[in-house]
Amino acid sequence: MFHKSHSRKDLIDIIKLFKLPIEDAEDYNKKQLIEKLFNCLYKEIEYIEPDNDYYGISNLHELKEYLIKPNQKKILSVKDKNEIMKMSKLIIQYCKVGYCVELSYFNTMDDIYVEARRLSQFGDIPSVRRMCQLINKNPHSNERVYPVMSKKVQKDLEIKELTSKKVFSMLTVKKEKVIVSFD
C-alpha cells in the first residue's frame, strides 16, 4: 500500500497533475482516496502522462514507487521543522536590527553564516527563503546564501509571482484649455 506520509492534499495534487480518472477527488477522505488511487493505478490504467516539472516522474512504475516510499517533502519531523524555523527567525532578527552582531543571538558573523548555510538546504520552508533573501542584503559581507528548493515549490512560486503581478494602466496626458470660475 502507499506510505502514510503522503497527505490527502498531496494525493489530490497527484491525481490532478497526472490526470488520473478519479472524479470528485476532493470529496473523499484520505482512506477513501488511497483506495480509489490504488484501484486506479493497479487495475484501471496502464499509462500516465509524464511530468518533468514537479515530481520528475515519467511512467506508471515510477509513480507507484514514489507513492510507496516516504514523502520526500515530509522528511522533517515537526520538532526539526520548528527548530529550523526558530533559527531562521533569529537570523531574520539579526538582519532587521541592522546586521549588528552585538544585538543578535549569535556571537560572531561567522556563526551566523555557518547556520545560514546549514538552514539553506531547507528552502521549501518560507522562513528559510526569507532568511536567505535578507542575509544576502548584508552590507558587511559579500557572501551569498541561496535556498535549495524542490521543483514543485519553485514552480508554485513562479505561478504565484505571475498571478500576483498587477496590471498598470497607462497615464495619458491631454493638454486642453480649462476654465475655472468662482462665484
C-alpha atoms as a PDB file:
ATOM      1  CA  MET A   1       0.000   0.000   0.000  1.00  0.00           C
ATOM      2  CA  PHE A   2       1.054   3.660  -0.164  1.00  0.00           C
ATOM      3  CA  HIS A   3       3.214   5.263   2.511  1.00  0.00           C
ATOM      4  CA  LYS A   4       1.297   7.118   5.215  1.00  0.00           C
ATOM      5  CA  SER A   5       3.470  10.255   4.934  1.00  0.00           C
ATOM      6  CA  HIS A   6       1.594  11.320   1.773  1.00  0.00           C
ATOM      7  CA  SER A   7      -1.159  13.699   2.828  1.00  0.00           C
ATOM      8  CA  ARG A   8      -4.643  13.900   1.363  1.00  0.00           C
ATOM      9  CA  LYS A   9      -3.678  17.149  -0.360  1.00  0.00           C
ATOM     10  CA  ASP A  10      -0.574  15.506  -1.884  1.00  0.00           C
ATOM     11  CA  LEU A  11      -2.704  12.671  -3.247  1.00  0.00           C
ATOM     12  CA  ILE A  12      -5.219  15.105  -4.748  1.00  0.00           C
ATOM     13  CA  ASP A  13      -2.363  17.037  -6.374  1.00  0.00           C
ATOM     14  CA  ILE A  14      -1.029  13.808  -7.902  1.00  0.00           C
ATOM     15  CA  ILE A  15      -4.480  12.871  -9.226  1.00  0.00           C
ATOM     16  CA  LYS A  16      -4.873  16.290 -10.866  1.00  0.00           C
ATOM     17  CA  LEU A  17      -1.315  16.517 -12.187  1.00  0.00           C
ATOM     18  CA  PHE A  18      -1.306  13.091 -13.826  1.00  0.00           C
ATOM     19  CA  LYS A  19      -4.959  13.421 -14.912  1.00  0.00           C
ATOM     20  CA  LEU A  20      -5.969  10.158 -13.258  1.00  0.00           C
ATOM     21  CA  PRO A  21      -9.589   9.075 -13.843  1.00  0.00           C
ATOM     22  CA  ILE A  22     -10.845   9.716 -10.302  1.00  0.00           C
ATOM     23  CA  GLU A  23     -13.787  12.076 -10.276  1.00  0.00           C
ATOM     24  CA  ASP A  24     -14.505  14.427  -7.373  1.00  0.00           C
ATOM     25  CA  ALA A  25     -11.268  13.543  -5.558  1.00  0.00           C
ATOM     26  CA  GLU A  26     -11.803  16.446  -3.140  1.00  0.00           C
ATOM     27  CA  ASP A  27     -14.943  14.767  -1.792  1.00  0.00           C
ATOM     28  CA  TYR A  28     -13.088  11.759  -0.374  1.00  0.00           C
ATOM     29  CA  ASN A  29     -11.218  11.424   2.895  1.00  0.00           C
ATOM     30  CA  LYS A  30      -7.632  10.147   2.863  1.00  0.00           C
ATOM     31  CA  LYS A  31      -8.523   6.483   3.370  1.00  0.00           C
ATOM     32  CA  GLN A  32     -11.112   6.508   0.558  1.00  0.00           C
ATOM     33  CA  LEU A  33      -8.720   8.423  -1.680  1.00  0.00           C
ATOM     34  CA  ILE A  34      -5.969   5.832  -1.138  1.00  0.00           C
ATOM     35  CA  GLU A  35      -8.395   3.030  -2.066  1.00  0.00           C
ATOM     36  CA  LYS A  36      -9.517   4.832  -5.240  1.00  0.00           C
ATOM     37  CA  LEU A  37      -5.933   5.680  -6.201  1.00  0.00           C
ATOM     38  CA  PHE A  38      -4.757   2.115  -5.559  1.00  0.00           C
ATOM     39  CA  ASN A  39      -7.534   0.685  -7.754  1.00  0.00           C
ATOM     40  CA  CYS A  40      -6.801   3.227 -10.451  1.00  0.00           C
ATOM     41  CA  LEU A  41      -3.035   2.652 -10.564  1.00  0.00           C
ATOM     42  CA  TYR A  42      -3.023  -1.137 -10.200  1.00  0.00           C
ATOM     43  CA  LYS A  43      -6.199  -2.169 -12.037  1.00  0.00           C
ATOM     44  CA  GLU A  44      -7.567   0.524 -14.349  1.00  0.00           C
ATOM     45  CA  ILE A  45      -4.771   2.361 -16.155  1.00  0.00           C
ATOM     46  CA  GLU A  46      -1.567   1.270 -17.873  1.00  0.00           C
ATOM     47  CA  TYR A  47      -0.099   4.656 -18.834  1.00  0.00           C
ATOM     48  CA  ILE A  48       0.257   8.133 -17.320  1.00  0.00           C
ATOM     49  CA  GLU A  49       1.305  11.490 -18.722  1.00  0.00           C
ATOM     50  CA  PRO A  50       4.979  12.094 -17.784  1.00  0.00           C
ATOM     51  CA  ASP A  51       5.789  15.022 -15.510  1.00  0.00           C
ATOM     52  CA  ASN A  52       9.215  16.636 -15.621  1.00  0.00           C
ATOM     53  CA  ASP A  53       8.347  19.845 -13.771  1.00  0.00           C
ATOM     54  CA  TYR A  54       7.041  18.880 -10.330  1.00  0.00           C
ATOM     55  CA  TYR A  55       7.958  15.316  -9.464  1.00  0.00           C
ATOM     56  CA  GLY A  56      10.171  14.146 -12.335  1.00  0.00           C
ATOM     57  CA  ILE A  57       8.037  11.032 -12.815  1.00  0.00           C
ATOM     58  CA  SER A  58       7.929   9.691 -16.357  1.00  0.00           C
ATOM     59  CA  ASN A  59       5.914   6.454 -16.151  1.00  0.00           C
ATOM     60  CA  LEU A  60       3.384   4.486 -14.103  1.00  0.00           C
ATOM     61  CA  HIS A  61       6.032   2.337 -12.403  1.00  0.00           C
ATOM     62  CA  GLU A  62       7.879   5.427 -11.106  1.00  0.00           C
ATOM     63  CA  LEU A  63       4.621   6.887  -9.780  1.00  0.00           C
ATOM     64  CA  LYS A  64       3.871   3.673  -7.862  1.00  0.00           C
ATOM     65  CA  GLU A  65       7.414   3.676  -6.435  1.00  0.00           C
ATOM     66  CA  TYR A  66       7.048   7.324  -5.406  1.00  0.00           C
ATOM     67  CA  LEU A  67       3.800   6.615  -3.525  1.00  0.00           C
ATOM     68  CA  ILE A  68       5.176   3.504  -1.777  1.00  0.00           C
ATOM     69  CA  LYS A  69       8.225   5.373  -0.448  1.00  0.00           C
ATOM     70  CA  PRO A  70       8.026   8.077   2.266  1.00  0.00           C
ATOM     71  CA  ASN A  71       7.093  11.541   1.034  1.00  0.00           C
ATOM     72  CA  GLN A  72      10.306  13.459   0.359  1.00  0.00           C
ATOM     73  CA  LYS A  73       8.728  16.723   1.462  1.00  0.00           C
ATOM     74  CA  LYS A  74       7.848  15.277   4.871  1.00  0.00           C
ATOM     75  CA  ILE A  75      11.334  14.126   5.865  1.00  0.00           C
ATOM     76  CA  LEU A  76      11.472  16.621   8.717  1.00  0.00           C
ATOM     77  CA  SER A  77       9.651  15.939  11.937  1.00  0.00           C
ATOM     78  CA  VAL A  78       7.564  18.718  13.453  1.00  0.00           C
ATOM     79  CA  LYS A  79      10.256  19.222  16.108  1.00  0.00           C
ATOM     80  CA  ASP A  80      13.014  19.560  13.472  1.00  0.00           C
ATOM     81  CA  LYS A  81      10.947  21.949  11.347  1.00  0.00           C
ATOM     82  CA  ASN A  82      10.201  24.124  14.388  1.00  0.00           C
ATOM     83  CA  GLU A  83      13.919  24.257  15.223  1.00  0.00           C
ATOM     84  CA  ILE A  84      14.764  25.282  11.640  1.00  0.00           C
ATOM     85  CA  MET A  85      12.102  27.991  11.703  1.00  0.00           C
ATOM     86  CA  LYS A  86      13.331  29.246  15.092  1.00  0.00           C
ATOM     87  CA  MET A  87      16.942  29.573  13.888  1.00  0.00           C
ATOM     88  CA  SER A  88      15.775  31.222  10.635  1.00  0.00           C
ATOM     89  CA  LYS A  89      13.800  33.771  12.617  1.00  0.00           C
ATOM     90  CA  LEU A  90      16.859  34.515  14.800  1.00  0.00           C
ATOM     91  CA  ILE A  91      18.873  35.262  11.656  1.00  0.00           C
ATOM     92  CA  ILE A  92      15.990  37.360  10.291  1.00  0.00           C
ATOM     93  CA  GLN A  93      16.061  39.291  13.578  1.00  0.00           C
ATOM     94  CA  TYR A  94      19.812  39.875  13.093  1.00  0.00           C
ATOM     95  CA  CYS A  95      19.018  41.332   9.655  1.00  0.00           C
ATOM     96  CA  LYS A  96      16.209  43.541  10.972  1.00  0.00           C
ATOM     97  CA  VAL A  97      18.380  45.146  13.679  1.00  0.00           C
ATOM     98  CA  GLY A  98      20.745  46.486  11.046  1.00  0.00           C
ATOM     99  CA  TYR A  99      23.067  43.468  10.693  1.00  0.00           C
ATOM    100  CA  CYS A 100      24.518  44.131  14.149  1.00  0.00           C
ATOM    101  CA  VAL A 101      26.019  41.015  15.751  1.00  0.00           C
ATOM    102  CA  GLU A 102      26.008  42.558  19.230  1.00  0.00           C
ATOM    103  CA  LEU A 103      22.211  42.882  19.176  1.00  0.00           C
ATOM    104  CA  SER A 104      21.643  39.334  17.912  1.00  0.00           C
ATOM    105  CA  TYR A 105      21.518  35.845  19.400  1.00  0.00           C
ATOM    106  CA  PHE A 106      24.834  34.954  17.730  1.00  0.00           C
ATOM    107  CA  ASN A 107      28.393  35.706  18.879  1.00  0.00           C
ATOM    108  CA  THR A 108      30.102  36.279  15.522  1.00  0.00           C
ATOM    109  CA  MET A 109      29.157  36.846  11.904  1.00  0.00           C
ATOM    110  CA  ASP A 110      30.843  33.528  11.080  1.00  0.00           C
ATOM    111  CA  ASP A 111      28.372  31.750  13.385  1.00  0.00           C
ATOM    112  CA  ILE A 112      25.512  33.402  11.526  1.00  0.00           C
ATOM    113  CA  TYR A 113      26.749  32.360   8.083  1.00  0.00           C
ATOM    114  CA  VAL A 114      27.540  28.795   9.202  1.00  0.00           C
ATOM    115  CA  GLU A 115      23.973  28.483  10.491  1.00  0.00           C
ATOM    116  CA  ALA A 116      22.525  30.170   7.382  1.00  0.00           C
ATOM    117  CA  ARG A 117      24.362  27.740   5.068  1.00  0.00           C
ATOM    118  CA  ARG A 118      23.068  24.800   7.129  1.00  0.00           C
ATOM    119  CA  LEU A 119      19.492  26.090   7.013  1.00  0.00           C
ATOM    120  CA  SER A 120      19.582  26.950   3.305  1.00  0.00           C
ATOM    121  CA  GLN A 121      19.127  23.286   2.383  1.00  0.00           C
ATOM    122  CA  PHE A 122      15.547  23.521   3.700  1.00  0.00           C
ATOM    123  CA  GLY A 123      14.428  26.125   1.134  1.00  0.00           C
ATOM    124  CA  ASP A 124      10.908  24.705   0.895  1.00  0.00           C
ATOM    125  CA  ILE A 125      10.192  26.393   4.253  1.00  0.00           C
ATOM    126  CA  PRO A 126       9.154  30.045   3.735  1.00  0.00           C
ATOM    127  CA  SER A 127      11.122  31.330   6.766  1.00  0.00           C
ATOM    128  CA  VAL A 128      14.323  29.912   5.300  1.00  0.00           C
ATOM    129  CA  ARG A 129      13.699  31.624   1.957  1.00  0.00           C
ATOM    130  CA  ARG A 130      13.080  34.934   3.729  1.00  0.00           C
ATOM    131  CA  MET A 131      16.220  34.480   5.822  1.00  0.00           C
ATOM    132  CA  CYS A 132      18.299  33.897   2.677  1.00  0.00           C
ATOM    133  CA  GLN A 133      16.779  36.929   0.979  1.00  0.00           C
ATOM    134  CA  LEU A 134      17.557  39.225   3.927  1.00  0.00           C
ATOM    135  CA  ILE A 135      21.041  37.900   4.690  1.00  0.00           C
ATOM    136  CA  ASN A 136      22.059  38.400   1.055  1.00  0.00           C
ATOM    137  CA  LYS A 137      21.411  42.143   1.556  1.00  0.00           C
ATOM    138  CA  ASN A 138      24.047  42.316   4.325  1.00  0.00           C
ATOM    139  CA  PRO A 139      26.297  45.322   3.531  1.00  0.00           C
ATOM    140  CA  HIS A 140      29.090  43.911   5.751  1.00  0.00           C
ATOM    141  CA  SER A 141      29.550  40.677   3.763  1.00  0.00           C
ATOM    142  CA  ASN A 142      29.874  39.627   0.136  1.00  0.00           C
ATOM    143  CA  GLU A 143      28.909  36.014   0.873  1.00  0.00           C
ATOM    144  CA  ARG A 144      25.616  34.856  -0.628  1.00  0.00           C
ATOM    145  CA  VAL A 145      23.342  32.100   0.700  1.00  0.00           C
ATOM    146  CA  TYR A 146      20.735  30.621  -1.648  1.00  0.00           C
ATOM    147  CA  PRO A 147      17.874  28.352  -0.565  1.00  0.00           C
ATOM    148  CA  VAL A 148      17.675  24.851  -2.027  1.00  0.00           C
ATOM    149  CA  MET A 149      14.090  24.278  -3.165  1.00  0.00           C
ATOM    150  CA  SER A 150      12.265  21.357  -4.732  1.00  0.00           C
ATOM    151  CA  LYS A 151      10.980  21.672  -8.294  1.00  0.00           C
ATOM    152  CA  LYS A 152       7.402  21.734  -7.062  1.00  0.00           C
ATOM    153  CA  VAL A 153       7.979  24.698  -4.734  1.00  0.00           C
ATOM    154  CA  GLN A 154       9.901  26.564  -7.455  1.00  0.00           C
ATOM    155  CA  LYS A 155       7.040  26.049  -9.901  1.00  0.00           C
ATOM    156  CA  ASP A 156       4.447  27.094  -7.296  1.00  0.00           C
ATOM    157  CA  LEU A 157       6.405  30.289  -6.544  1.00  0.00           C
ATOM    158  CA  GLU A 158       6.678  31.097 -10.260  1.00  0.00           C
ATOM    159  CA  ILE A 159       2.926  30.679 -10.677  1.00  0.00           C
ATOM    160  CA  LYS A 160       2.260  32.787  -7.574  1.00  0.00           C
ATOM    161  CA  GLU A 161       4.534  35.537  -8.884  1.00  0.00           C
ATOM    162  CA  LEU A 162       2.812  35.567 -12.271  1.00  0.00           C
ATOM    163  CA  THR A 163      -0.650  35.747 -10.744  1.00  0.00           C
ATOM    164  CA  SER A 164       0.296  38.493  -8.282  1.00  0.00           C
ATOM    165  CA  LYS A 165       1.660  40.870 -10.893  1.00  0.00           C
ATOM    166  CA  LYS A 166      -0.565  43.887 -11.189  1.00  0.00           C
ATOM    167  CA  VAL A 167      -1.524  45.445 -14.466  1.00  0.00           C
ATOM    168  CA  PHE A 168      -0.935  49.167 -14.520  1.00  0.00           C
ATOM    169  CA  SER A 169      -2.961  51.263 -16.887  1.00  0.00           C
ATOM    170  CA  MET A 170      -1.164  53.903 -18.883  1.00  0.00           C
ATOM    171  CA  LEU A 171      -1.378  57.525 -17.913  1.00  0.00           C
ATOM    172  CA  THR A 172      -2.479  59.781 -20.745  1.00  0.00           C
ATOM    173  CA  VAL A 173      -1.868  63.482 -20.592  1.00  0.00           C
ATOM    174  CA  LYS A 174      -4.125  65.797 -22.558  1.00  0.00           C
ATOM    175  CA  LYS A 175      -3.350  69.468 -22.943  1.00  0.00           C
ATOM    176  CA  GLU A 176      -6.633  71.331 -23.023  1.00  0.00           C
ATOM    177  CA  LYS A 177      -7.913  74.704 -22.013  1.00  0.00           C
ATOM    178  CA  VAL A 178      -9.526  74.635 -18.583  1.00  0.00           C
ATOM    179  CA  ILE A 179     -11.718  77.433 -17.322  1.00  0.00           C
ATOM    180  CA  VAL A 180     -12.179  77.814 -13.585  1.00  0.00           C
ATOM    181  CA  SER A 181     -14.727  80.311 -12.415  1.00  0.00           C
ATOM    182  CA  PHE A 182     -15.517  81.471  -8.883  1.00  0.00           C
ATOM    183  CA  ASP A 183     -18.906  82.900  -7.869  1.00  0.00           C
END
